[in-house]
Amino acid sequence: MVSQMFRYLALSVAPVTVVQPIQRLSLVFRFFFSWWMNPGHEVFGSRVWISTIVSLLGALALTLTVDQIRDYLPLPDSLAAFLRVEWP
């Protein structure tokens, strides 16, 4: 309950691109401490590893700007022009 309150307080102060990656780091700590403290009780199969990695990659994708994506990926001119459109 308190953690949700702090999460929404953080989202009201900072943008989601800052808060979400920091919050997703809790997965790494939870995974590490579960593996360290409860290795016999926790299941660490391939699905857990893959889902943790996908979740972290999604959080990292939130931190990218459109300019970074446009600079690093070889995009067609029409898609690059579409990415330059700004909302007023």
PDB file of N, CA and C in Angstrom:
ATOM      1  N   MET A   1       0.817  -1.177   0.000  1.00  0.00           N
ATOM      2  CA  MET A   1       0.000   0.000   0.000  1.00  0.00           C
ATOM      3  C   MET A   1       0.871   1.256   0.000  1.00  0.00           C
ATOM      4  N   VAL A   2       1.857   1.299   0.861  1.00  0.00           N
ATOM      5  CA  VAL A   2       2.733   2.461   0.932  1.00  0.00           C
ATOM      6  C   VAL A   2       3.591   2.564  -0.331  1.00  0.00           C
ATOM      7  N   SER A   3       4.007   1.407  -0.868  1.00  0.00           N
ATOM      8  CA  SER A   3       4.829   1.442  -2.076  1.00  0.00           C
ATOM      9  C   SER A   3       4.046   2.021  -3.251  1.00  0.00           C
ATOM     10  N   GLN A   4       2.765   1.691  -3.347  1.00  0.00           N
ATOM     11  CA  GLN A   4       1.934   2.269  -4.411  1.00  0.00           C
ATOM     12  C   GLN A   4       1.807   3.782  -4.242  1.00  0.00           C
ATOM     13  N   MET A   5       1.689   4.230  -3.000  1.00  0.00           N
ATOM     14  CA  MET A   5       1.586   5.660  -2.741  1.00  0.00           C
ATOM     15  C   MET A   5       2.862   6.370  -3.212  1.00  0.00           C
ATOM     16  N   PHE A   6       4.022   5.810  -2.883  1.00  0.00           N
ATOM     17  CA  PHE A   6       5.270   6.419  -3.303  1.00  0.00           C
ATOM     18  C   PHE A   6       5.436   6.366  -4.824  1.00  0.00           C
ATOM     19  N   ARG A   7       4.935   5.303  -5.441  1.00  0.00           N
ATOM     20  CA  ARG A   7       5.025   5.209  -6.895  1.00  0.00           C
ATOM     21  C   ARG A   7       4.222   6.320  -7.546  1.00  0.00           C
ATOM     22  N   TYR A   8       2.997   6.529  -7.107  1.00  0.00           N
ATOM     23  CA  TYR A   8       2.169   7.572  -7.708  1.00  0.00           C
ATOM     24  C   TYR A   8       2.663   8.965  -7.353  1.00  0.00           C
ATOM     25  N   LEU A   9       3.269   9.128  -6.193  1.00  0.00           N
ATOM     26  CA  LEU A   9       3.897  10.408  -5.869  1.00  0.00           C
ATOM     27  C   LEU A   9       5.066  10.681  -6.821  1.00  0.00           C
ATOM     28  N   ALA A  10       5.857   9.656  -7.094  1.00  0.00           N
ATOM     29  CA  ALA A  10       6.981   9.819  -8.014  1.00  0.00           C
ATOM     30  C   ALA A  10       6.485  10.137  -9.419  1.00  0.00           C
ATOM     31  N   LEU A  11       5.408   9.483  -9.841  1.00  0.00           N
ATOM     32  CA  LEU A  11       4.863   9.753 -11.171  1.00  0.00           C
ATOM     33  C   LEU A  11       4.255  11.148 -11.270  1.00  0.00           C
ATOM     34  N   SER A  12       3.791  11.689 -10.157  1.00  0.00           N
ATOM     35  CA  SER A  12       3.246  13.045 -10.207  1.00  0.00           C
ATOM     36  C   SER A  12       4.355  14.088 -10.280  1.00  0.00           C
ATOM     37  N   VAL A  13       5.554  13.751  -9.828  1.00  0.00           N
ATOM     38  CA  VAL A  13       6.661  14.699  -9.824  1.00  0.00           C
ATOM     39  C   VAL A  13       7.534  14.542 -11.073  1.00  0.00           C
ATOM     40  N   ALA A  14       7.846  13.322 -11.450  1.00  0.00           N
ATOM     41  CA  ALA A  14       8.766  13.058 -12.554  1.00  0.00           C
ATOM     42  C   ALA A  14       8.026  12.352 -13.689  1.00  0.00           C
ATOM     43  N   PRO A  15       8.548  12.440 -14.891  1.00  0.00           N
ATOM     44  CA  PRO A  15       7.904  11.745 -16.015  1.00  0.00           C
ATOM     45  C   PRO A  15       8.070  10.231 -15.916  1.00  0.00           C
ATOM     46  N   VAL A  16       7.227   9.544 -16.637  1.00  0.00           N
ATOM     47  CA  VAL A  16       7.230   8.078 -16.602  1.00  0.00           C
ATOM     48  C   VAL A  16       8.539   7.516 -17.127  1.00  0.00           C
ATOM     49  N   THR A  17       9.217   8.246 -18.015  1.00  0.00           N
ATOM     50  CA  THR A  17      10.481   7.760 -18.569  1.00  0.00           C
ATOM     51  C   THR A  17      11.596   7.762 -17.538  1.00  0.00           C
ATOM     52  N   VAL A  18      11.401   8.441 -16.431  1.00  0.00           N
ATOM     53  CA  VAL A  18      12.386   8.420 -15.352  1.00  0.00           C
ATOM     54  C   VAL A  18      11.986   7.419 -14.277  1.00  0.00           C
ATOM     55  N   VAL A  19      10.709   7.409 -13.918  1.00  0.00           N
ATOM     56  CA  VAL A  19      10.231   6.592 -12.801  1.00  0.00           C
ATOM     57  C   VAL A  19      10.209   5.113 -13.152  1.00  0.00           C
ATOM     58  N   GLN A  20       9.725   4.769 -14.327  1.00  0.00           N
ATOM     59  CA  GLN A  20       9.533   3.362 -14.684  1.00  0.00           C
ATOM     60  C   GLN A  20      10.838   2.569 -14.741  1.00  0.00           C
ATOM     61  N   PRO A  21      11.904   3.075 -15.376  1.00  0.00           N
ATOM     62  CA  PRO A  21      13.156   2.299 -15.345  1.00  0.00           C
ATOM     63  C   PRO A  21      13.706   2.105 -13.941  1.00  0.00           C
ATOM     64  N   ILE A  22      13.568   3.110 -13.095  1.00  0.00           N
ATOM     65  CA  ILE A  22      14.031   2.957 -11.718  1.00  0.00           C
ATOM     66  C   ILE A  22      13.199   1.911 -10.992  1.00  0.00           C
ATOM     67  N   GLN A  23      11.901   1.916 -11.242  1.00  0.00           N
ATOM     68  CA  GLN A  23      11.037   0.931 -10.589  1.00  0.00           C
ATOM     69  C   GLN A  23      11.341  -0.476 -11.094  1.00  0.00           C
ATOM     70  N   ARG A  24      11.668  -0.622 -12.359  1.00  0.00           N
ATOM     71  CA  ARG A  24      11.978  -1.936 -12.917  1.00  0.00           C
ATOM     72  C   ARG A  24      13.277  -2.500 -12.369  1.00  0.00           C
ATOM     73  N   LEU A  25      14.140  -1.644 -11.836  1.00  0.00           N
ATOM     74  CA  LEU A  25      15.353  -2.156 -11.209  1.00  0.00           C
ATOM     75  C   LEU A  25      15.024  -2.994  -9.979  1.00  0.00           C
ATOM     76  N   SER A  26      13.844  -2.787  -9.409  1.00  0.00           N
ATOM     77  CA  SER A  26      13.446  -3.606  -8.272  1.00  0.00           C
ATOM     78  C   SER A  26      13.353  -5.077  -8.661  1.00  0.00           C
ATOM     79  N   LEU A  27      13.054  -5.360  -9.938  1.00  0.00           N
ATOM     80  CA  LEU A  27      13.032  -6.752 -10.403  1.00  0.00           C
ATOM     81  C   LEU A  27      14.402  -7.400 -10.267  1.00  0.00           C
ATOM     82  N   VAL A  28      15.430  -6.647 -10.600  1.00  0.00           N
ATOM     83  CA  VAL A  28      16.784  -7.196 -10.509  1.00  0.00           C
ATOM     84  C   VAL A  28      17.121  -7.516  -9.061  1.00  0.00           C
ATOM     85  N   PHE A  29      16.811  -6.572  -8.164  1.00  0.00           N
ATOM     86  CA  PHE A  29      17.107  -6.801  -6.753  1.00  0.00           C
ATOM     87  C   PHE A  29      16.258  -7.934  -6.185  1.00  0.00           C
ATOM     88  N   ARG A  30      14.993  -7.997  -6.548  1.00  0.00           N
ATOM     89  CA  ARG A  30      14.131  -9.071  -6.061  1.00  0.00           C
ATOM     90  C   ARG A  30      14.626 -10.420  -6.563  1.00  0.00           C
ATOM     91  N   PHE A  31      15.016 -10.461  -7.825  1.00  0.00           N
ATOM     92  CA  PHE A  31      15.523 -11.696  -8.413  1.00  0.00           C
ATOM     93  C   PHE A  31      16.810 -12.133  -7.717  1.00  0.00           C
ATOM     94  N   PHE A  32      17.732 -11.192  -7.522  1.00  0.00           N
ATOM     95  CA  PHE A  32      19.011 -11.515  -6.891  1.00  0.00           C
ATOM     96  C   PHE A  32      18.810 -11.984  -5.454  1.00  0.00           C
ATOM     97  N   PHE A  33      18.023 -11.251  -4.668  1.00  0.00           N
ATOM     98  CA  PHE A  33      17.849 -11.614  -3.265  1.00  0.00           C
ATOM     99  C   PHE A  33      17.052 -12.919  -3.108  1.00  0.00           C
ATOM    100  N   SER A  34      16.108 -13.178  -3.989  1.00  0.00           N
ATOM    101  CA  SER A  34      15.390 -14.452  -3.938  1.00  0.00           C
ATOM    102  C   SER A  34      16.319 -15.610  -4.253  1.00  0.00           C
ATOM    103  N   TRP A  35      17.187 -15.393  -5.244  1.00  0.00           N
ATOM    104  CA  TRP A  35      18.138 -16.441  -5.610  1.00  0.00           C
ATOM    105  C   TRP A  35      19.140 -16.659  -4.477  1.00  0.00           C
ATOM    106  N   TRP A  36      19.521 -15.597  -3.792  1.00  0.00           N
ATOM    107  CA  TRP A  36      20.518 -15.674  -2.743  1.00  0.00           C
ATOM    108  C   TRP A  36      19.941 -16.234  -1.441  1.00  0.00           C
ATOM    109  N   MET A  37      18.738 -15.799  -1.057  1.00  0.00           N
ATOM    110  CA  MET A  37      18.178 -16.178   0.241  1.00  0.00           C
ATOM    111  C   MET A  37      17.316 -17.440   0.196  1.00  0.00           C
ATOM    112  N   ASN A  38      16.630 -17.687  -0.909  1.00  0.00           N
ATOM    113  CA  ASN A  38      15.714 -18.830  -0.989  1.00  0.00           C
ATOM    114  C   ASN A  38      15.981 -19.685  -2.228  1.00  0.00           C
ATOM    115  N   PRO A  39      17.173 -20.189  -2.425  1.00  0.00           N
ATOM    116  CA  PRO A  39      17.426 -20.944  -3.656  1.00  0.00           C
ATOM    117  C   PRO A  39      16.637 -22.246  -3.742  1.00  0.00           C
ATOM    118  N   GLY A  40      16.261 -22.801  -2.608  1.00  0.00           N
ATOM    119  CA  GLY A  40      15.501 -24.047  -2.639  1.00  0.00           C
ATOM    120  C   GLY A  40      14.013 -23.850  -2.812  1.00  0.00           C
ATOM    121  N   HIS A  41      13.513 -22.653  -2.550  1.00  0.00           N
ATOM    122  CA  HIS A  41      12.078 -22.403  -2.608  1.00  0.00           C
ATOM    123  C   HIS A  41      11.639 -21.662  -3.863  1.00  0.00           C
ATOM    124  N   GLU A  42      12.547 -20.976  -4.483  1.00  0.00           N
ATOM    125  CA  GLU A  42      12.220 -20.199  -5.677  1.00  0.00           C
ATOM    126  C   GLU A  42      12.541 -21.014  -6.918  1.00  0.00           C
ATOM    127  N   VAL A  43      11.733 -20.832  -7.948  1.00  0.00           N
ATOM    128  CA  VAL A  43      11.946 -21.509  -9.218  1.00  0.00           C
ATOM    129  C   VAL A  43      12.589 -20.508 -10.175  1.00  0.00           C
ATOM    130  N   PHE A  44      13.802 -20.823 -10.618  1.00  0.00           N
ATOM    131  CA  PHE A  44      14.511 -19.945 -11.533  1.00  0.00           C
ATOM    132  C   PHE A  44      14.716 -20.654 -12.856  1.00  0.00           C
ATOM    133  N   GLY A  45      13.623 -20.832 -13.574  1.00  0.00           N
ATOM    134  CA  GLY A  45      13.697 -21.479 -14.872  1.00  0.00           C
ATOM    135  C   GLY A  45      13.933 -20.473 -15.981  1.00  0.00           C
ATOM    136  N   SER A  46      13.905 -20.983 -17.193  1.00  0.00           N
ATOM    137  CA  SER A  46      14.159 -20.115 -18.348  1.00  0.00           C
ATOM    138  C   SER A  46      13.063 -19.070 -18.514  1.00  0.00           C
ATOM    139  N   ARG A  47      11.834 -19.396 -18.165  1.00  0.00           N
ATOM    140  CA  ARG A  47      10.741 -18.422 -18.284  1.00  0.00           C
ATOM    141  C   ARG A  47      10.951 -17.226 -17.353  1.00  0.00           C
ATOM    142  N   VAL A  48      11.445 -17.464 -16.175  1.00  0.00           N
ATOM    143  CA  VAL A  48      11.698 -16.376 -15.223  1.00  0.00           C
ATOM    144  C   VAL A  48      12.814 -15.491 -15.745  1.00  0.00           C
ATOM    145  N   TRP A  49      13.885 -16.098 -16.238  1.00  0.00           N
ATOM    146  CA  TRP A  49      14.996 -15.320 -16.780  1.00  0.00           C
ATOM    147  C   TRP A  49      14.549 -14.482 -17.976  1.00  0.00           C
ATOM    148  N   ILE A  50      13.817 -15.109 -18.896  1.00  0.00           N
ATOM    149  CA  ILE A  50      13.376 -14.405 -20.104  1.00  0.00           C
ATOM    150  C   ILE A  50      12.424 -13.266 -19.754  1.00  0.00           C
ATOM    151  N   SER A  51      11.485 -13.514 -18.868  1.00  0.00           N
ATOM    152  CA  SER A  51      10.528 -12.460 -18.515  1.00  0.00           C
ATOM    153  C   SER A  51      11.212 -11.298 -17.795  1.00  0.00           C
ATOM    154  N   THR A  52      12.205 -11.581 -16.984  1.00  0.00           N
ATOM    155  CA  THR A  52      12.948 -10.510 -16.317  1.00  0.00           C
ATOM    156  C   THR A  52      13.726  -9.686 -17.330  1.00  0.00           C
ATOM    157  N   ILE A  53      14.364 -10.331 -18.270  1.00  0.00           N
ATOM    158  CA  ILE A  53      15.130  -9.620 -19.287  1.00  0.00           C
ATOM    159  C   ILE A  53      14.219  -8.792 -20.183  1.00  0.00           C
ATOM    160  N   VAL A  54      13.083  -9.355 -20.584  1.00  0.00           N
ATOM    161  CA  VAL A  54      12.137  -8.610 -21.429  1.00  0.00           C
ATOM    162  C   VAL A  54      11.600  -7.393 -20.685  1.00  0.00           C
ATOM    163  N   SER A  55      11.303  -7.548 -19.419  1.00  0.00           N
ATOM    164  CA  SER A  55      10.808  -6.428 -18.627  1.00  0.00           C
ATOM    165  C   SER A  55      11.855  -5.324 -18.508  1.00  0.00           C
ATOM    166  N   LEU A  56      13.103  -5.695 -18.285  1.00  0.00           N
ATOM    167  CA  LEU A  56      14.169  -4.698 -18.199  1.00  0.00           C
ATOM    168  C   LEU A  56      14.418  -4.017 -19.539  1.00  0.00           C
ATOM    169  N   LEU A  57      14.341  -4.770 -20.637  1.00  0.00           N
ATOM    170  CA  LEU A  57      14.506  -4.156 -21.956  1.00  0.00           C
ATOM    171  C   LEU A  57      13.380  -3.174 -22.256  1.00  0.00           C
ATOM    172  N   GLY A  58      12.170  -3.508 -21.819  1.00  0.00           N
ATOM    173  CA  GLY A  58      11.056  -2.577 -21.992  1.00  0.00           C
ATOM    174  C   GLY A  58      11.248  -1.302 -21.198  1.00  0.00           C
ATOM    175  N   ALA A  59      11.777  -1.426 -19.998  1.00  0.00           N
ATOM    176  CA  ALA A  59      12.054  -0.235 -19.185  1.00  0.00           C
ATOM    177  C   ALA A  59      13.156   0.607 -19.820  1.00  0.00           C
ATOM    178  N   LEU A  60      14.164  -0.036 -20.376  1.00  0.00           N
ATOM    179  CA  LEU A  60      15.220   0.706 -21.064  1.00  0.00           C
ATOM    180  C   LEU A  60      14.699   1.367 -22.330  1.00  0.00           C
ATOM    181  N   ALA A  61      13.766   0.725 -23.014  1.00  0.00           N
ATOM    182  CA  ALA A  61      13.183   1.318 -24.221  1.00  0.00           C
ATOM    183  C   ALA A  61      12.423   2.594 -23.893  1.00  0.00           C
ATOM    184  N   LEU A  62      11.869   2.690 -22.703  1.00  0.00           N
ATOM    185  CA  LEU A  62      11.181   3.907 -22.296  1.00  0.00           C
ATOM    186  C   LEU A  62      12.119   5.094 -22.164  1.00  0.00           C
ATOM    187  N   THR A  63      13.386   4.826 -21.915  1.00  0.00           N
ATOM    188  CA  THR A  63      14.333   5.919 -21.715  1.00  0.00           C
ATOM    189  C   THR A  63      14.848   6.495 -23.028  1.00  0.00           C
ATOM    190  N   LEU A  64      14.610   5.822 -24.142  1.00  0.00           N
ATOM    191  CA  LEU A  64      15.097   6.302 -25.438  1.00  0.00           C
ATOM    192  C   LEU A  64      14.211   7.420 -25.964  1.00  0.00           C
ATOM    193  N   THR A  65      14.822   8.371 -26.619  1.00  0.00           N
ATOM    194  CA  THR A  65      14.062   9.422 -27.279  1.00  0.00           C
ATOM    195  C   THR A  65      13.876   9.056 -28.748  1.00  0.00           C
ATOM    196  N   VAL A  66      12.965   9.743 -29.386  1.00  0.00           N
ATOM    197  CA  VAL A  66      12.723   9.493 -30.804  1.00  0.00           C
ATOM    198  C   VAL A  66      13.957   9.838 -31.625  1.00  0.00           C
ATOM    199  N   ASP A  67      14.665  10.885 -31.224  1.00  0.00           N
ATOM    200  CA  ASP A  67      15.887  11.265 -31.944  1.00  0.00           C
ATOM    201  C   ASP A  67      16.943  10.173 -31.868  1.00  0.00           C
ATOM    202  N   GLN A  68      17.080   9.551 -30.720  1.00  0.00           N
ATOM    203  CA  GLN A  68      18.051   8.466 -30.583  1.00  0.00           C
ATOM    204  C   GLN A  68      17.667   7.289 -31.466  1.00  0.00           C
ATOM    205  N   ILE A  69      16.407   6.952 -31.501  1.00  0.00           N
ATOM    206  CA  ILE A  69      15.956   5.837 -32.338  1.00  0.00           C
ATOM    207  C   ILE A  69      16.194   6.151 -33.806  1.00  0.00           C
ATOM    208  N   ARG A  70      15.878   7.378 -34.198  1.00  0.00           N
ATOM    209  CA  ARG A  70      16.052   7.783 -35.596  1.00  0.00           C
ATOM    210  C   ARG A  70      17.526   7.795 -35.982  1.00  0.00           C
ATOM    211  N   ASP A  71      18.409   8.170 -35.063  1.00  0.00           N
ATOM    212  CA  ASP A  71      19.839   8.213 -35.374  1.00  0.00           C
ATOM    213  C   ASP A  71      20.476   6.826 -35.456  1.00  0.00           C
ATOM    214  N   TYR A  72      20.036   5.891 -34.628  1.00  0.00           N
ATOM    215  CA  TYR A  72      20.692   4.581 -34.552  1.00  0.00           C
ATOM    216  C   TYR A  72      20.115   3.546 -35.504  1.00  0.00           C
ATOM    217  N   LEU A  73      18.850   3.668 -35.859  1.00  0.00           N
ATOM    218  CA  LEU A  73      18.232   2.672 -36.729  1.00  0.00           C
ATOM    219  C   LEU A  73      18.187   3.177 -38.169  1.00  0.00           C
ATOM    220  N   PRO A  74      18.499   2.313 -39.120  1.00  0.00           N
ATOM    221  CA  PRO A  74      18.376   2.723 -40.523  1.00  0.00           C
ATOM    222  C   PRO A  74      16.897   2.669 -40.947  1.00  0.00           C
ATOM    223  N   LEU A  75      16.226   3.797 -40.860  1.00  0.00           N
ATOM    224  CA  LEU A  75      14.811   3.865 -41.172  1.00  0.00           C
ATOM    225  C   LEU A  75      14.602   4.427 -42.576  1.00  0.00           C
ATOM    226  N   PRO A  76      13.527   4.008 -43.245  1.00  0.00           N
ATOM    227  CA  PRO A  76      13.196   4.626 -44.538  1.00  0.00           C
ATOM    228  C   PRO A  76      12.863   6.109 -44.336  1.00  0.00           C
ATOM    229  N   ASP A  77      13.022   6.878 -45.395  1.00  0.00           N
ATOM    230  CA  ASP A  77      12.806   8.326 -45.303  1.00  0.00           C
ATOM    231  C   ASP A  77      11.389   8.673 -44.864  1.00  0.00           C
ATOM    232  N   SER A  78      10.406   7.914 -45.323  1.00  0.00           N
ATOM    233  CA  SER A  78       9.018   8.213 -44.965  1.00  0.00           C
ATOM    234  C   SER A  78       8.788   8.010 -43.462  1.00  0.00           C
ATOM    235  N   LEU A  79       9.366   6.968 -42.887  1.00  0.00           N
ATOM    236  CA  LEU A  79       9.206   6.719 -41.457  1.00  0.00           C
ATOM    237  C   LEU A  79      10.004   7.732 -40.629  1.00  0.00           C
ATOM    238  N   ALA A  80      11.175   8.107 -41.108  1.00  0.00           N
ATOM    239  CA  ALA A  80      11.967   9.126 -40.420  1.00  0.00           C
ATOM    240  C   ALA A  80      11.250  10.467 -40.435  1.00  0.00           C
ATOM    241  N   ALA A  81      10.596  10.789 -41.546  1.00  0.00           N
ATOM    242  CA  ALA A  81       9.813  12.037 -41.612  1.00  0.00           C
ATOM    243  C   ALA A  81       8.632  11.976 -40.665  1.00  0.00           C
ATOM    244  N   PHE A  82       8.015  10.825 -40.541  1.00  0.00           N
ATOM    245  CA  PHE A  82       6.884  10.672 -39.609  1.00  0.00           C
ATOM    246  C   PHE A  82       7.347  10.848 -38.159  1.00  0.00           C
ATOM    247  N   LEU A  83       8.534  10.373 -37.847  1.00  0.00           N
ATOM    248  CA  LEU A  83       9.052  10.510 -36.489  1.00  0.00           C
ATOM    249  C   LEU A  83       9.439  11.944 -36.151  1.00  0.00           C
ATOM    250  N   ARG A  84       9.637  12.791 -37.168  1.00  0.00           N
ATOM    251  CA  ARG A  84       9.961  14.197 -36.924  1.00  0.00           C
ATOM    252  C   ARG A  84       8.733  15.031 -36.590  1.00  0.00           C
ATOM    253  N   VAL A  85       7.546  14.501 -36.791  1.00  0.00           N
ATOM    254  CA  VAL A  85       6.312  15.243 -36.525  1.00  0.00           C
ATOM    255  C   VAL A  85       6.188  15.462 -35.025  1.00  0.00           C
ATOM    256  N   GLU A  86       5.898  16.707 -34.647  1.00  0.00           N
ATOM    257  CA  GLU A  86       5.743  17.041 -33.226  1.00  0.00           C
ATOM    258  C   GLU A  86       4.311  17.487 -32.956  1.00  0.00           C
ATOM    259  N   TRP A  87       3.823  17.087 -31.809  1.00  0.00           N
ATOM    260  CA  TRP A  87       2.488  17.488 -31.372  1.00  0.00           C
ATOM    261  C   TRP A  87       2.590  18.838 -30.676  1.00  0.00           C
ATOM    262  N   PRO A  88       1.697  19.754 -31.006  1.00  0.00           N
ATOM    263  CA  PRO A  88       1.824  21.097 -30.420  1.00  0.00           C
ATOM    264  C   PRO A  88       1.661  21.147 -28.942  1.00  0.00           C
TER     265      PRO A  88
END
